Amino acid sequence: EQAQEAIAAETVRIIRTFQQTGQVPNVVNLARTTPATCMLVVRHLDRPGVLAGVLDRIRLAEINVQEMENIIFEGAQAAVARIHLETAPGPDVIAQIQASSPHILEVSLIAL
């Protein structure tokens, strides 16, 4: 009975931590490294459709996304998306991403 209660309590802790932080404690199967070669950084206003447009341009360029996160700043007006890509987009794709929404403030590429 004690072991069952301990397992139940740990399960609740893991779920609460995930709900509050998005992180899963004790996860064992996450990739330590990925084939990502660069990170696309998109600073943008927090508006619907901005990331959909960015991801559409990446898809059209046939570039695979390895990892991504979108961080919202205080006040929920601005955000920064960090998108790890398998291959670097060319200058034309970067220009298309920048032009895909008036809510995009800046697009930059960082080699990993």
PDB file of N, CA and C in Angstrom:
ATOM      1  N   GLU A   1       0.822  -1.199   0.000  1.00  0.00           N
ATOM      2  CA  GLU A   1       0.000   0.000   0.000  1.00  0.00           C
ATOM      3  C   GLU A   1       0.867   1.264   0.000  1.00  0.00           C
ATOM      4  N   GLN A   2       1.925   1.236   0.794  1.00  0.00           N
ATOM      5  CA  GLN A   2       2.826   2.381   0.861  1.00  0.00           C
ATOM      6  C   GLN A   2       3.486   2.631  -0.499  1.00  0.00           C
ATOM      7  N   ALA A   3       3.900   1.565  -1.173  1.00  0.00           N
ATOM      8  CA  ALA A   3       4.526   1.705  -2.492  1.00  0.00           C
ATOM      9  C   ALA A   3       3.534   2.258  -3.505  1.00  0.00           C
ATOM     10  N   GLN A   4       2.299   1.810  -3.466  1.00  0.00           N
ATOM     11  CA  GLN A   4       1.275   2.320  -4.382  1.00  0.00           C
ATOM     12  C   GLN A   4       1.049   3.815  -4.162  1.00  0.00           C
ATOM     13  N   GLU A   5       1.001   4.240  -2.932  1.00  0.00           N
ATOM     14  CA  GLU A   5       0.808   5.660  -2.630  1.00  0.00           C
ATOM     15  C   GLU A   5       2.003   6.488  -3.092  1.00  0.00           C
ATOM     16  N   ALA A   6       3.210   5.950  -2.921  1.00  0.00           N
ATOM     17  CA  ALA A   6       4.410   6.657  -3.364  1.00  0.00           C
ATOM     18  C   ALA A   6       4.423   6.804  -4.884  1.00  0.00           C
ATOM     19  N   ILE A   7       4.038   5.758  -5.595  1.00  0.00           N
ATOM     20  CA  ILE A   7       3.981   5.804  -7.061  1.00  0.00           C
ATOM     21  C   ILE A   7       2.918   6.795  -7.511  1.00  0.00           C
ATOM     22  N   ALA A   8       1.778   6.788  -6.865  1.00  0.00           N
ATOM     23  CA  ALA A   8       0.705   7.730  -7.214  1.00  0.00           C
ATOM     24  C   ALA A   8       1.145   9.166  -6.968  1.00  0.00           C
ATOM     25  N   ALA A   9       1.812   9.412  -5.842  1.00  0.00           N
ATOM     26  CA  ALA A   9       2.277  10.766  -5.529  1.00  0.00           C
ATOM     27  C   ALA A   9       3.313  11.230  -6.553  1.00  0.00           C
ATOM     28  N   GLU A  10       4.204  10.348  -6.965  1.00  0.00           N
ATOM     29  CA  GLU A  10       5.218  10.706  -7.961  1.00  0.00           C
ATOM     30  C   GLU A  10       4.575  10.974  -9.317  1.00  0.00           C
ATOM     31  N   THR A  11       3.568  10.209  -9.665  1.00  0.00           N
ATOM     32  CA  THR A  11       2.850  10.434 -10.919  1.00  0.00           C
ATOM     33  C   THR A  11       2.193  11.809 -10.919  1.00  0.00           C
ATOM     34  N   VAL A  12       1.562  12.167  -9.827  1.00  0.00           N
ATOM     35  CA  VAL A  12       0.930  13.488  -9.700  1.00  0.00           C
ATOM     36  C   VAL A  12       1.985  14.588  -9.796  1.00  0.00           C
ATOM     37  N   ARG A  13       3.143  14.410  -9.150  1.00  0.00           N
ATOM     38  CA  ARG A  13       4.214  15.397  -9.209  1.00  0.00           C
ATOM     39  C   ARG A  13       4.713  15.598 -10.639  1.00  0.00           C
ATOM     40  N   ILE A  14       4.893  14.522 -11.355  1.00  0.00           N
ATOM     41  CA  ILE A  14       5.369  14.607 -12.747  1.00  0.00           C
ATOM     42  C   ILE A  14       4.353  15.347 -13.612  1.00  0.00           C
ATOM     43  N   ILE A  15       3.097  15.030 -13.470  1.00  0.00           N
ATOM     44  CA  ILE A  15       2.043  15.686 -14.261  1.00  0.00           C
ATOM     45  C   ILE A  15       1.953  17.164 -13.908  1.00  0.00           C
ATOM     46  N   ARG A  16       1.999  17.498 -12.628  1.00  0.00           N
ATOM     47  CA  ARG A  16       1.946  18.913 -12.218  1.00  0.00           C
ATOM     48  C   ARG A  16       3.151  19.691 -12.758  1.00  0.00           C
ATOM     49  N   THR A  17       4.321  19.090 -12.668  1.00  0.00           N
ATOM     50  CA  THR A  17       5.521  19.749 -13.182  1.00  0.00           C
ATOM     51  C   THR A  17       5.380  19.999 -14.679  1.00  0.00           C
ATOM     52  N   PHE A  18       4.874  19.027 -15.413  1.00  0.00           N
ATOM     53  CA  PHE A  18       4.672  19.194 -16.856  1.00  0.00           C
ATOM     54  C   PHE A  18       3.659  20.300 -17.140  1.00  0.00           C
ATOM     55  N   GLN A  19       2.553  20.313 -16.407  1.00  0.00           N
ATOM     56  CA  GLN A  19       1.538  21.348 -16.608  1.00  0.00           C
ATOM     57  C   GLN A  19       2.080  22.743 -16.325  1.00  0.00           C
ATOM     58  N   GLN A  20       2.913  22.870 -15.314  1.00  0.00           N
ATOM     59  CA  GLN A  20       3.410  24.177 -14.896  1.00  0.00           C
ATOM     60  C   GLN A  20       4.613  24.657 -15.695  1.00  0.00           C
ATOM     61  N   THR A  21       5.453  23.731 -16.161  1.00  0.00           N
ATOM     62  CA  THR A  21       6.707  24.134 -16.797  1.00  0.00           C
ATOM     63  C   THR A  21       6.883  23.628 -18.224  1.00  0.00           C
ATOM     64  N   GLY A  22       6.117  22.610 -18.608  1.00  0.00           N
ATOM     65  CA  GLY A  22       6.315  21.997 -19.923  1.00  0.00           C
ATOM     66  C   GLY A  22       7.462  21.005 -19.937  1.00  0.00           C
ATOM     67  N   GLN A  23       8.130  20.835 -18.811  1.00  0.00           N
ATOM     68  CA  GLN A  23       9.244  19.885 -18.696  1.00  0.00           C
ATOM     69  C   GLN A  23       8.749  18.609 -18.021  1.00  0.00           C
ATOM     70  N   VAL A  24       9.284  17.480 -18.467  1.00  0.00           N
ATOM     71  CA  VAL A  24       8.905  16.202 -17.876  1.00  0.00           C
ATOM     72  C   VAL A  24      10.080  15.682 -17.058  1.00  0.00           C
ATOM     73  N   PRO A  25       9.933  15.630 -15.729  1.00  0.00           N
ATOM     74  CA  PRO A  25      11.019  15.100 -14.897  1.00  0.00           C
ATOM     75  C   PRO A  25      11.265  13.616 -15.211  1.00  0.00           C
ATOM     76  N   ASN A  26      12.500  13.224 -15.133  1.00  0.00           N
ATOM     77  CA  ASN A  26      12.913  11.823 -15.275  1.00  0.00           C
ATOM     78  C   ASN A  26      12.670  11.237 -16.662  1.00  0.00           C
ATOM     79  N   VAL A  27      12.507  12.087 -17.668  1.00  0.00           N
ATOM     80  CA  VAL A  27      12.309  11.561 -19.014  1.00  0.00           C
ATOM     81  C   VAL A  27      13.606  10.877 -19.456  1.00  0.00           C
ATOM     82  N   VAL A  28      13.477   9.752 -20.154  1.00  0.00           N
ATOM     83  CA  VAL A  28      14.667   8.966 -20.485  1.00  0.00           C
ATOM     84  C   VAL A  28      14.943   8.857 -21.984  1.00  0.00           C
ATOM     85  N   ASN A  29      14.012   9.266 -22.839  1.00  0.00           N
ATOM     86  CA  ASN A  29      14.218   8.998 -24.252  1.00  0.00           C
ATOM     87  C   ASN A  29      14.327  10.240 -25.132  1.00  0.00           C
ATOM     88  N   LEU A  30      14.662  11.401 -24.552  1.00  0.00           N
ATOM     89  CA  LEU A  30      14.857  12.592 -25.366  1.00  0.00           C
ATOM     90  C   LEU A  30      16.207  12.518 -26.063  1.00  0.00           C
ATOM     91  N   ALA A  31      16.261  13.025 -27.281  1.00  0.00           N
ATOM     92  CA  ALA A  31      17.519  13.051 -28.017  1.00  0.00           C
ATOM     93  C   ALA A  31      18.481  14.023 -27.346  1.00  0.00           C
ATOM     94  N   ARG A  32      19.700  13.581 -27.126  1.00  0.00           N
ATOM     95  CA  ARG A  32      20.716  14.468 -26.559  1.00  0.00           C
ATOM     96  C   ARG A  32      21.250  15.410 -27.621  1.00  0.00           C
ATOM     97  N   THR A  33      21.315  14.931 -28.831  1.00  0.00           N
ATOM     98  CA  THR A  33      21.711  15.757 -29.964  1.00  0.00           C
ATOM     99  C   THR A  33      20.759  15.456 -31.118  1.00  0.00           C
ATOM    100  N   THR A  34      20.649  16.408 -32.027  1.00  0.00           N
ATOM    101  CA  THR A  34      19.807  16.219 -33.206  1.00  0.00           C
ATOM    102  C   THR A  34      20.638  16.583 -34.434  1.00  0.00           C
ATOM    103  N   PRO A  35      20.125  16.311 -35.626  1.00  0.00           N
ATOM    104  CA  PRO A  35      20.841  16.697 -36.842  1.00  0.00           C
ATOM    105  C   PRO A  35      20.763  18.208 -37.143  1.00  0.00           C
ATOM    106  N   ALA A  36      20.230  18.997 -36.224  1.00  0.00           N
ATOM    107  CA  ALA A  36      20.098  20.435 -36.460  1.00  0.00           C
ATOM    108  C   ALA A  36      21.473  21.061 -36.668  1.00  0.00           C
ATOM    109  N   THR A  37      21.563  21.927 -37.681  1.00  0.00           N
ATOM    110  CA  THR A  37      22.824  22.611 -37.982  1.00  0.00           C
ATOM    111  C   THR A  37      22.748  24.100 -37.688  1.00  0.00           C
ATOM    112  N   CYS A  38      21.533  24.610 -37.487  1.00  0.00           N
ATOM    113  CA  CYS A  38      21.381  26.043 -37.268  1.00  0.00           C
ATOM    114  C   CYS A  38      20.097  26.310 -36.484  1.00  0.00           C
ATOM    115  N   MET A  39      20.002  27.524 -35.963  1.00  0.00           N
ATOM    116  CA  MET A  39      18.800  27.944 -35.258  1.00  0.00           C
ATOM    117  C   MET A  39      18.287  29.219 -35.914  1.00  0.00           C
ATOM    118  N   LEU A  40      17.039  29.180 -36.341  1.00  0.00           N
ATOM    119  CA  LEU A  40      16.370  30.347 -36.881  1.00  0.00           C
ATOM    120  C   LEU A  40      15.712  31.062 -35.710  1.00  0.00           C
ATOM    121  N   VAL A  41      16.027  32.340 -35.537  1.00  0.00           N
ATOM    122  CA  VAL A  41      15.468  33.136 -34.447  1.00  0.00           C
ATOM    123  C   VAL A  41      14.533  34.163 -35.072  1.00  0.00           C
ATOM    124  N   VAL A  42      13.253  34.087 -34.686  1.00  0.00           N
ATOM    125  CA  VAL A  42      12.250  34.992 -35.239  1.00  0.00           C
ATOM    126  C   VAL A  42      11.667  35.805 -34.094  1.00  0.00           C
ATOM    127  N   ARG A  43      11.966  37.096 -34.072  1.00  0.00           N
ATOM    128  CA  ARG A  43      11.386  38.001 -33.085  1.00  0.00           C
ATOM    129  C   ARG A  43      10.107  38.556 -33.707  1.00  0.00           C
ATOM    130  N   HIS A  44       9.002  38.447 -32.985  1.00  0.00           N
ATOM    131  CA  HIS A  44       7.715  38.810 -33.581  1.00  0.00           C
ATOM    132  C   HIS A  44       6.728  39.300 -32.544  1.00  0.00           C
ATOM    133  N   LEU A  45       5.701  39.969 -33.035  1.00  0.00           N
ATOM    134  CA  LEU A  45       4.578  40.323 -32.182  1.00  0.00           C
ATOM    135  C   LEU A  45       3.757  39.059 -31.982  1.00  0.00           C
ATOM    136  N   ASP A  46       3.173  38.915 -30.820  1.00  0.00           N
ATOM    137  CA  ASP A  46       2.409  37.715 -30.490  1.00  0.00           C
ATOM    138  C   ASP A  46       1.017  37.816 -31.106  1.00  0.00           C
ATOM    139  N   ARG A  47       0.919  37.416 -32.357  1.00  0.00           N
ATOM    140  CA  ARG A  47      -0.340  37.490 -33.106  1.00  0.00           C
ATOM    141  C   ARG A  47      -0.616  36.150 -33.783  1.00  0.00           C
ATOM    142  N   PRO A  48      -1.883  35.821 -34.000  1.00  0.00           N
ATOM    143  CA  PRO A  48      -2.229  34.567 -34.665  1.00  0.00           C
ATOM    144  C   PRO A  48      -1.657  34.510 -36.088  1.00  0.00           C
ATOM    145  N   GLY A  49      -1.173  33.349 -36.449  1.00  0.00           N
ATOM    146  CA  GLY A  49      -0.734  33.098 -37.815  1.00  0.00           C
ATOM    147  C   GLY A  49       0.717  33.400 -38.106  1.00  0.00           C
ATOM    148  N   VAL A  50       1.404  34.101 -37.207  1.00  0.00           N
ATOM    149  CA  VAL A  50       2.807  34.447 -37.481  1.00  0.00           C
ATOM    150  C   VAL A  50       3.644  33.185 -37.631  1.00  0.00           C
ATOM    151  N   LEU A  51       3.587  32.299 -36.658  1.00  0.00           N
ATOM    152  CA  LEU A  51       4.400  31.087 -36.722  1.00  0.00           C
ATOM    153  C   LEU A  51       3.944  30.148 -37.830  1.00  0.00           C
ATOM    154  N   ALA A  52       2.657  30.131 -38.118  1.00  0.00           N
ATOM    155  CA  ALA A  52       2.161  29.299 -39.223  1.00  0.00           C
ATOM    156  C   ALA A  52       2.803  29.733 -40.533  1.00  0.00           C
ATOM    157  N   GLY A  53       2.922  31.045 -40.739  1.00  0.00           N
ATOM    158  CA  GLY A  53       3.561  31.548 -41.949  1.00  0.00           C
ATOM    159  C   GLY A  53       5.036  31.197 -42.004  1.00  0.00           C
ATOM    160  N   VAL A  54       5.717  31.312 -40.875  1.00  0.00           N
ATOM    161  CA  VAL A  54       7.137  30.965 -40.808  1.00  0.00           C
ATOM    162  C   VAL A  54       7.328  29.488 -41.131  1.00  0.00           C
ATOM    163  N   LEU A  55       6.550  28.640 -40.472  1.00  0.00           N
ATOM    164  CA  LEU A  55       6.679  27.202 -40.692  1.00  0.00           C
ATOM    165  C   LEU A  55       6.293  26.808 -42.111  1.00  0.00           C
ATOM    166  N   ASP A  56       5.363  27.520 -42.719  1.00  0.00           N
ATOM    167  CA  ASP A  56       4.991  27.235 -44.100  1.00  0.00           C
ATOM    168  C   ASP A  56       6.165  27.511 -45.035  1.00  0.00           C
ATOM    169  N   ARG A  57       6.883  28.616 -44.828  1.00  0.00           N
ATOM    170  CA  ARG A  57       8.043  28.931 -45.670  1.00  0.00           C
ATOM    171  C   ARG A  57       9.138  27.888 -45.491  1.00  0.00           C
ATOM    172  N   ILE A  58       9.325  27.422 -44.249  1.00  0.00           N
ATOM    173  CA  ILE A  58      10.310  26.371 -43.981  1.00  0.00           C
ATOM    174  C   ILE A  58       9.907  25.083 -44.691  1.00  0.00           C
ATOM    175  N   ARG A  59       8.619  24.767 -44.656  1.00  0.00           N
ATOM    176  CA  ARG A  59       8.127  23.553 -45.324  1.00  0.00           C
ATOM    177  C   ARG A  59       8.319  23.645 -46.830  1.00  0.00           C
ATOM    178  N   LEU A  60       7.990  24.794 -47.399  1.00  0.00           N
ATOM    179  CA  LEU A  60       8.144  24.973 -48.844  1.00  0.00           C
ATOM    180  C   LEU A  60       9.601  24.845 -49.281  1.00  0.00           C
ATOM    181  N   ALA A  61      10.530  25.198 -48.395  1.00  0.00           N
ATOM    182  CA  ALA A  61      11.955  25.054 -48.689  1.00  0.00           C
ATOM    183  C   ALA A  61      12.445  23.628 -48.420  1.00  0.00           C
ATOM    184  N   GLU A  62      11.532  22.769 -47.973  1.00  0.00           N
ATOM    185  CA  GLU A  62      11.821  21.366 -47.659  1.00  0.00           C
ATOM    186  C   GLU A  62      12.938  21.232 -46.622  1.00  0.00           C
ATOM    187  N   ILE A  63      12.835  22.062 -45.581  1.00  0.00           N
ATOM    188  CA  ILE A  63      13.781  22.014 -44.464  1.00  0.00           C
ATOM    189  C   ILE A  63      13.062  21.415 -43.266  1.00  0.00           C
ATOM    190  N   ASN A  64      13.718  20.466 -42.629  1.00  0.00           N
ATOM    191  CA  ASN A  64      13.119  19.779 -41.494  1.00  0.00           C
ATOM    192  C   ASN A  64      13.378  20.535 -40.197  1.00  0.00           C
ATOM    193  N   VAL A  65      12.333  20.720 -39.403  1.00  0.00           N
ATOM    194  CA  VAL A  65      12.448  21.316 -38.075  1.00  0.00           C
ATOM    195  C   VAL A  65      12.793  20.204 -37.091  1.00  0.00           C
ATOM    196  N   GLN A  66      13.853  20.425 -36.316  1.00  0.00           N
ATOM    197  CA  GLN A  66      14.274  19.436 -35.324  1.00  0.00           C
ATOM    198  C   GLN A  66      13.698  19.724 -33.946  1.00  0.00           C
ATOM    199  N   GLU A  67      13.636  20.996 -33.601  1.00  0.00           N
ATOM    200  CA  GLU A  67      13.157  21.415 -32.286  1.00  0.00           C
ATOM    201  C   GLU A  67      12.675  22.841 -32.410  1.00  0.00           C
ATOM    202  N   MET A  68      11.734  23.246 -31.560  1.00  0.00           N
ATOM    203  CA  MET A  68      11.350  24.651 -31.558  1.00  0.00           C
ATOM    204  C   MET A  68      10.679  25.030 -30.252  1.00  0.00           C
ATOM    205  N   GLU A  69      10.783  26.323 -29.947  1.00  0.00           N
ATOM    206  CA  GLU A  69      10.062  26.874 -28.799  1.00  0.00           C
ATOM    207  C   GLU A  69       9.715  28.316 -29.126  1.00  0.00           C
ATOM    208  N   ASN A  70       8.627  28.769 -28.559  1.00  0.00           N
ATOM    209  CA  ASN A  70       8.183  30.148 -28.740  1.00  0.00           C
ATOM    210  C   ASN A  70       8.031  30.744 -27.347  1.00  0.00           C
ATOM    211  N   ILE A  71       8.834  31.747 -27.065  1.00  0.00           N
ATOM    212  CA  ILE A  71       8.857  32.341 -25.739  1.00  0.00           C
ATOM    213  C   ILE A  71       8.130  33.675 -25.784  1.00  0.00           C
ATOM    214  N   ILE A  72       7.137  33.822 -24.929  1.00  0.00           N
ATOM    215  CA  ILE A  72       6.331  35.040 -24.860  1.00  0.00           C
ATOM    216  C   ILE A  72       6.915  35.947 -23.784  1.00  0.00           C
ATOM    217  N   PHE A  73       7.069  37.221 -24.099  1.00  0.00           N
ATOM    218  CA  PHE A  73       7.601  38.184 -23.142  1.00  0.00           C
ATOM    219  C   PHE A  73       6.480  38.766 -22.289  1.00  0.00           C
ATOM    220  N   GLU A  74       6.863  39.362 -21.191  1.00  0.00           N
ATOM    221  CA  GLU A  74       5.925  39.978 -20.256  1.00  0.00           C
ATOM    222  C   GLU A  74       4.954  40.887 -21.008  1.00  0.00           C
ATOM    223  N   GLY A  75       3.686  40.772 -20.690  1.00  0.00           N
ATOM    224  CA  GLY A  75       2.656  41.571 -21.339  1.00  0.00           C
ATOM    225  C   GLY A  75       2.047  40.910 -22.563  1.00  0.00           C
ATOM    226  N   ALA A  76       2.608  39.794 -22.991  1.00  0.00           N
ATOM    227  CA  ALA A  76       2.090  39.001 -24.113  1.00  0.00           C
ATOM    228  C   ALA A  76       1.933  39.809 -25.402  1.00  0.00           C
ATOM    229  N   GLN A  77       2.836  40.762 -25.618  1.00  0.00           N
ATOM    230  CA  GLN A  77       2.802  41.527 -26.860  1.00  0.00           C
ATOM    231  C   GLN A  77       3.854  41.059 -27.855  1.00  0.00           C
ATOM    232  N   ALA A  78       4.987  40.598 -27.343  1.00  0.00           N
ATOM    233  CA  ALA A  78       6.094  40.194 -28.208  1.00  0.00           C
ATOM    234  C   ALA A  78       6.563  38.798 -27.818  1.00  0.00           C
ATOM    235  N   ALA A  79       7.245  38.159 -28.767  1.00  0.00           N
ATOM    236  CA  ALA A  79       7.734  36.805 -28.539  1.00  0.00           C
ATOM    237  C   ALA A  79       8.977  36.570 -29.383  1.00  0.00           C
ATOM    238  N   VAL A  80       9.661  35.489 -29.079  1.00  0.00           N
ATOM    239  CA  VAL A  80      10.777  35.058 -29.915  1.00  0.00           C
ATOM    240  C   VAL A  80      10.642  33.551 -30.118  1.00  0.00           C
ATOM    241  N   ALA A  81      10.671  33.155 -31.375  1.00  0.00           N
ATOM    242  CA  ALA A  81      10.631  31.735 -31.722  1.00  0.00           C
ATOM    243  C   ALA A  81      12.048  31.295 -32.031  1.00  0.00           C
ATOM    244  N   ARG A  82      12.456  30.190 -31.437  1.00  0.00           N
ATOM    245  CA  ARG A  82      13.769  29.607 -31.711  1.00  0.00           C
ATOM    246  C   ARG A  82      13.518  28.255 -32.356  1.00  0.00           C
ATOM    247  N   ILE A  83      13.888  28.159 -33.622  1.00  0.00           N
ATOM    248  CA  ILE A  83      13.577  26.978 -34.423  1.00  0.00           C
ATOM    249  C   ILE A  83      14.877  26.337 -34.894  1.00  0.00           C
ATOM    250  N   HIS A  84      15.152  25.137 -34.422  1.00  0.00           N
ATOM    251  CA  HIS A  84      16.351  24.410 -34.813  1.00  0.00           C
ATOM    252  C   HIS A  84      16.057  23.684 -36.123  1.00  0.00           C
ATOM    253  N   LEU A  85      16.884  23.943 -37.129  1.00  0.00           N
ATOM    254  CA  LEU A  85      16.660  23.398 -38.467  1.00  0.00           C
ATOM    255  C   LEU A  85      17.773  22.434 -38.852  1.00  0.00           C
ATOM    256  N   GLU A  86      17.386  21.437 -39.650  1.00  0.00           N
ATOM    257  CA  GLU A  86      18.349  20.441 -40.110  1.00  0.00           C
ATOM    258  C   GLU A  86      19.344  21.041 -41.100  1.00  0.00           C
ATOM    259  N   THR A  87      18.871  21.930 -41.961  1.00  0.00           N
ATOM    260  CA  THR A  87      19.744  22.612 -42.917  1.00  0.00           C
ATOM    261  C   THR A  87      19.429  24.098 -42.885  1.00  0.00           C
ATOM    262  N   ALA A  88      20.415  24.889 -43.232  1.00  0.00           N
ATOM    263  CA  ALA A  88      20.243  26.341 -43.194  1.00  0.00           C
ATOM    264  C   ALA A  88      19.437  26.829 -44.398  1.00  0.00           C
ATOM    265  N   PRO A  89      18.464  27.679 -44.169  1.00  0.00           N
ATOM    266  CA  PRO A  89      17.729  28.274 -45.289  1.00  0.00           C
ATOM    267  C   PRO A  89      18.603  29.313 -45.985  1.00  0.00           C
ATOM    268  N   GLY A  90      18.410  29.429 -47.284  1.00  0.00           N
ATOM    269  CA  GLY A  90      19.148  30.424 -48.045  1.00  0.00           C
ATOM    270  C   GLY A  90      18.603  31.821 -47.791  1.00  0.00           C
ATOM    271  N   PRO A  91      19.321  32.831 -48.280  1.00  0.00           N
ATOM    272  CA  PRO A  91      18.891  34.216 -48.086  1.00  0.00           C
ATOM    273  C   PRO A  91      17.495  34.485 -48.642  1.00  0.00           C
ATOM    274  N   ASP A  92      17.128  33.803 -49.734  1.00  0.00           N
ATOM    275  CA  ASP A  92      15.794  33.993 -50.312  1.00  0.00           C
ATOM    276  C   ASP A  92      14.712  33.493 -49.367  1.00  0.00           C
ATOM    277  N   VAL A  93      14.944  32.366 -48.698  1.00  0.00           N
ATOM    278  CA  VAL A  93      13.967  31.825 -47.744  1.00  0.00           C
ATOM    279  C   VAL A  93      13.872  32.744 -46.525  1.00  0.00           C
ATOM    280  N   ILE A  94      14.998  33.242 -46.051  1.00  0.00           N
ATOM    281  CA  ILE A  94      14.994  34.186 -44.932  1.00  0.00           C
ATOM    282  C   ILE A  94      14.168  35.420 -45.297  1.00  0.00           C
ATOM    283  N   ALA A  95      14.352  35.915 -46.521  1.00  0.00           N
ATOM    284  CA  ALA A  95      13.589  37.090 -46.977  1.00  0.00           C
ATOM    285  C   ALA A  95      12.102  36.777 -47.058  1.00  0.00           C
ATOM    286  N   GLN A  96      11.749  35.572 -47.513  1.00  0.00           N
ATOM    287  CA  GLN A  96      10.342  35.168 -47.587  1.00  0.00           C
ATOM    288  C   GLN A  96       9.733  35.072 -46.193  1.00  0.00           C
ATOM    289  N   ILE A  97      10.503  34.545 -45.240  1.00  0.00           N
ATOM    290  CA  ILE A  97      10.020  34.458 -43.857  1.00  0.00           C
ATOM    291  C   ILE A  97       9.774  35.856 -43.312  1.00  0.00           C
ATOM    292  N   GLN A  98      10.736  36.748 -43.509  1.00  0.00           N
ATOM    293  CA  GLN A  98      10.599  38.124 -43.028  1.00  0.00           C
ATOM    294  C   GLN A  98       9.367  38.794 -43.628  1.00  0.00           C
ATOM    295  N   ALA A  99       9.114  38.529 -44.904  1.00  0.00           N
ATOM    296  CA  ALA A  99       7.994  39.172 -45.603  1.00  0.00           C
ATOM    297  C   ALA A  99       6.657  38.471 -45.366  1.00  0.00           C
ATOM    298  N   SER A 100       6.673  37.319 -44.703  1.00  0.00           N
ATOM    299  CA  SER A 100       5.441  36.540 -44.562  1.00  0.00           C
ATOM    300  C   SER A 100       4.416  37.173 -43.631  1.00  0.00           C
ATOM    301  N   SER A 101       4.849  38.121 -42.783  1.00  0.00           N
ATOM    302  CA  SER A 101       3.916  38.770 -41.858  1.00  0.00           C
ATOM    303  C   SER A 101       4.448  40.139 -41.458  1.00  0.00           C
ATOM    304  N   PRO A 102       3.571  41.122 -41.379  1.00  0.00           N
ATOM    305  CA  PRO A 102       4.006  42.436 -40.886  1.00  0.00           C
ATOM    306  C   PRO A 102       4.318  42.406 -39.384  1.00  0.00           C
ATOM    307  N   HIS A 103       3.967  41.316 -38.720  1.00  0.00           N
ATOM    308  CA  HIS A 103       4.203  41.189 -37.291  1.00  0.00           C
ATOM    309  C   HIS A 103       5.586  40.619 -36.965  1.00  0.00           C
ATOM    310  N   ILE A 104       6.352  40.261 -37.993  1.00  0.00           N
ATOM    311  CA  ILE A 104       7.715  39.781 -37.769  1.00  0.00           C
ATOM    312  C   ILE A 104       8.635  40.989 -37.667  1.00  0.00           C
ATOM    313  N   LEU A 105       9.376  41.059 -36.566  1.00  0.00           N
ATOM    314  CA  LEU A 105      10.249  42.190 -36.301  1.00  0.00           C
ATOM    315  C   LEU A 105      11.668  41.961 -36.805  1.00  0.00           C
ATOM    316  N   GLU A 106      12.153  40.717 -36.664  1.00  0.00           N
ATOM    317  CA  GLU A 106      13.521  40.407 -37.064  1.00  0.00           C
ATOM    318  C   GLU A 106      13.671  38.903 -37.260  1.00  0.00           C
ATOM    319  N   VAL A 107      14.470  38.520 -38.237  1.00  0.00           N
ATOM    320  CA  VAL A 107      14.777  37.126 -38.484  1.00  0.00           C
ATOM    321  C   VAL A 107      16.296  37.012 -38.542  1.00  0.00           C
ATOM    322  N   SER A 108      16.846  36.071 -37.783  1.00  0.00           N
ATOM    323  CA  SER A 108      18.296  35.850 -37.841  1.00  0.00           C
ATOM    324  C   SER A 108      18.579  34.357 -37.815  1.00  0.00           C
ATOM    325  N   LEU A 109      19.769  34.001 -38.272  1.00  0.00           N
ATOM    326  CA  LEU A 109      20.176  32.597 -38.357  1.00  0.00           C
ATOM    327  C   LEU A 109      21.480  32.435 -37.586  1.00  0.00           C
ATOM    328  N   ILE A 110      21.521  31.433 -36.725  1.00  0.00           N
ATOM    329  CA  ILE A 110      22.703  31.170 -35.916  1.00  0.00           C
ATOM    330  C   ILE A 110      23.165  29.737 -36.185  1.00  0.00           C
ATOM    331  N   ALA A 111      24.428  29.582 -36.529  1.00  0.00           N
ATOM    332  CA  ALA A 111      24.987  28.241 -36.735  1.00  0.00           C
ATOM    333  C   ALA A 111      25.117  27.534 -35.382  1.00  0.00           C
ATOM    334  N   LEU A 112      24.829  26.247 -35.383  1.00  0.00           N
ATOM    335  CA  LEU A 112      24.966  25.462 -34.141  1.00  0.00           C
ATOM    336  C   LEU A 112      26.243  24.652 -34.171  1.00  0.00           C
TER     337      LEU A 112
END
